[in-house]
Amino acid sequence: MSQEIDAILLEDAMLTLDELARSCRVSREWVIARVQWGLLSGGDFIDANPDTWQFDSRSFMRIKRMIAVERDFDGNPELAGFVADLMEEIESLRVRLEIEMQHTGEQG
């Protein structure tokens, strides 16, 4: 897999811990710490061997956001996770609003 994954479609791609860390330009330990702190898709990862973890495109985007918050605002990991949560919620609400607007437009 390419070291720079930003430019390809990640819809169905699954990345290993090493691929994810490499593509986000962080260490394995950085990703492992955020999983252990519950800031990254966590439930089934906690007891599993990190070498067996698989991450989807949402995890990739979440990590990129967390990195930006930690770097640009000197934010701690918990704050970066919270900001990522808020950004994901905003995206979800925008999608719901768009669907609602389309539905309303079709009826009117």
Protein backbone atom coordinates (compact mmCIF):
# COMPACT_ATOMS: atom_id res chain seq x y z
CA MET A 1 0.00 0.00 0.00
CA SER A 2 1.21 3.51 -0.76
CA GLN A 3 2.76 5.61 1.98
CA GLU A 4 0.60 8.58 1.00
CA ILE A 5 -3.04 7.55 1.06
CA ASP A 6 -4.72 10.99 1.05
CA ALA A 7 -5.25 10.97 -2.71
CA ILE A 8 -7.02 7.62 -3.15
CA LEU A 9 -10.59 6.66 -2.47
CA LEU A 10 -10.78 5.08 0.96
CA GLU A 11 -14.46 4.21 1.04
CA ASP A 12 -13.94 0.46 1.38
CA ALA A 13 -10.23 0.38 2.18
CA MET A 14 -9.07 -1.26 5.38
CA LEU A 15 -5.69 -0.30 6.78
CA THR A 16 -3.45 -2.08 9.23
CA LEU A 17 -1.99 -0.22 12.18
CA ASP A 18 1.32 0.24 10.36
CA GLU A 19 -0.34 1.42 7.13
CA LEU A 20 -2.52 3.87 9.03
CA ALA A 21 0.35 5.26 11.09
CA ARG A 22 2.59 5.57 8.03
CA SER A 23 -0.07 7.26 5.89
CA CYS A 24 -0.90 9.73 8.70
CA ARG A 25 2.80 10.28 9.45
CA VAL A 26 2.53 9.32 13.10
CA SER A 27 4.09 6.49 15.06
CA ARG A 28 2.42 3.18 15.83
CA GLU A 29 2.62 4.20 19.48
CA TRP A 30 0.67 7.41 18.76
CA VAL A 31 -2.21 5.39 17.27
CA ILE A 32 -2.06 2.69 19.97
CA ALA A 33 -2.22 5.33 22.72
CA ARG A 34 -5.33 6.94 21.21
CA VAL A 35 -7.03 3.55 20.88
CA GLN A 36 -6.19 2.75 24.51
CA TRP A 37 -7.56 6.13 25.63
CA GLY A 38 -10.81 5.42 23.77
CA LEU A 39 -10.32 8.23 21.26
CA LEU A 40 -10.27 5.92 18.25
CA SER A 41 -12.58 3.04 17.25
CA GLY A 42 -12.02 1.19 20.38
CA GLY A 43 -14.26 -1.54 21.70
CA ASP A 44 -12.94 -4.66 19.97
CA PHE A 45 -9.37 -3.35 19.76
CA ILE A 46 -8.64 -3.15 23.47
CA ASP A 47 -7.94 -6.84 24.10
CA ALA A 48 -6.68 -7.65 20.61
CA ASN A 49 -3.10 -7.66 19.40
CA PRO A 50 -2.40 -4.31 17.71
CA ASP A 51 -0.89 -6.15 14.74
CA THR A 52 -4.38 -7.53 13.96
CA TRP A 53 -6.20 -4.17 14.09
CA GLN A 54 -7.94 -2.97 10.93
CA PHE A 55 -8.97 0.65 10.44
CA ASP A 56 -11.51 2.05 8.00
CA SER A 57 -11.59 5.38 6.17
CA ARG A 58 -13.47 7.04 9.05
CA SER A 59 -10.61 6.20 11.40
CA PHE A 60 -8.16 7.62 8.87
CA MET A 61 -10.09 10.92 8.66
CA ARG A 62 -10.53 11.06 12.44
CA ILE A 63 -6.79 10.67 12.97
CA LYS A 64 -6.03 13.38 10.42
CA ARG A 65 -8.36 15.75 12.30
CA MET A 66 -6.87 14.85 15.67
CA ILE A 67 -3.35 15.39 14.36
CA ALA A 68 -4.33 18.84 13.08
CA VAL A 69 -5.84 19.87 16.42
CA GLU A 70 -2.89 18.58 18.40
CA ARG A 71 -0.40 20.26 16.07
CA ASP A 72 -2.13 23.53 15.16
CA PHE A 73 -3.61 24.35 18.55
CA ASP A 74 -1.18 22.50 20.78
CA GLY A 75 -4.21 20.54 21.97
CA ASN A 76 -3.98 17.50 24.17
CA PRO A 77 -5.26 14.16 22.79
CA GLU A 78 -8.54 14.32 24.70
CA LEU A 79 -9.32 17.76 23.28
CA ALA A 80 -8.39 16.56 19.80
CA GLY A 81 -10.75 13.59 20.20
CA PHE A 82 -13.55 15.89 21.37
CA VAL A 83 -13.05 18.23 18.41
CA ALA A 84 -13.08 15.22 16.06
CA ASP A 85 -16.37 14.10 17.68
CA LEU A 86 -17.88 17.54 17.09
CA MET A 87 -16.71 17.64 13.48
CA GLU A 88 -18.20 14.19 12.83
CA GLU A 89 -21.49 15.28 14.40
CA ILE A 90 -21.58 18.42 12.24
CA GLU A 91 -21.02 16.28 9.13
CA SER A 92 -23.80 13.93 10.18
CA LEU A 93 -26.19 16.83 10.76
CA ARG A 94 -25.32 18.36 7.39
CA VAL A 95 -26.11 15.08 5.64
CA ARG A 96 -29.43 14.82 7.51
CA LEU A 97 -30.27 18.42 6.60
CA GLU A 98 -29.43 17.82 2.94
CA ILE A 99 -31.64 14.72 2.87
CA GLU A 100 -34.46 16.61 4.56
CA MET A 101 -34.14 19.51 2.12
CA GLN A 102 -34.24 17.13 -0.83
CA HIS A 103 -37.27 15.36 0.61
CA THR A 104 -39.07 18.65 1.25
CA GLY A 105 -38.18 19.93 -2.22
CA GLU A 106 -39.65 16.83 -3.85
CA GLN A 107 -42.97 17.27 -2.04
CA GLY A 108 -43.28 21.00 -2.64
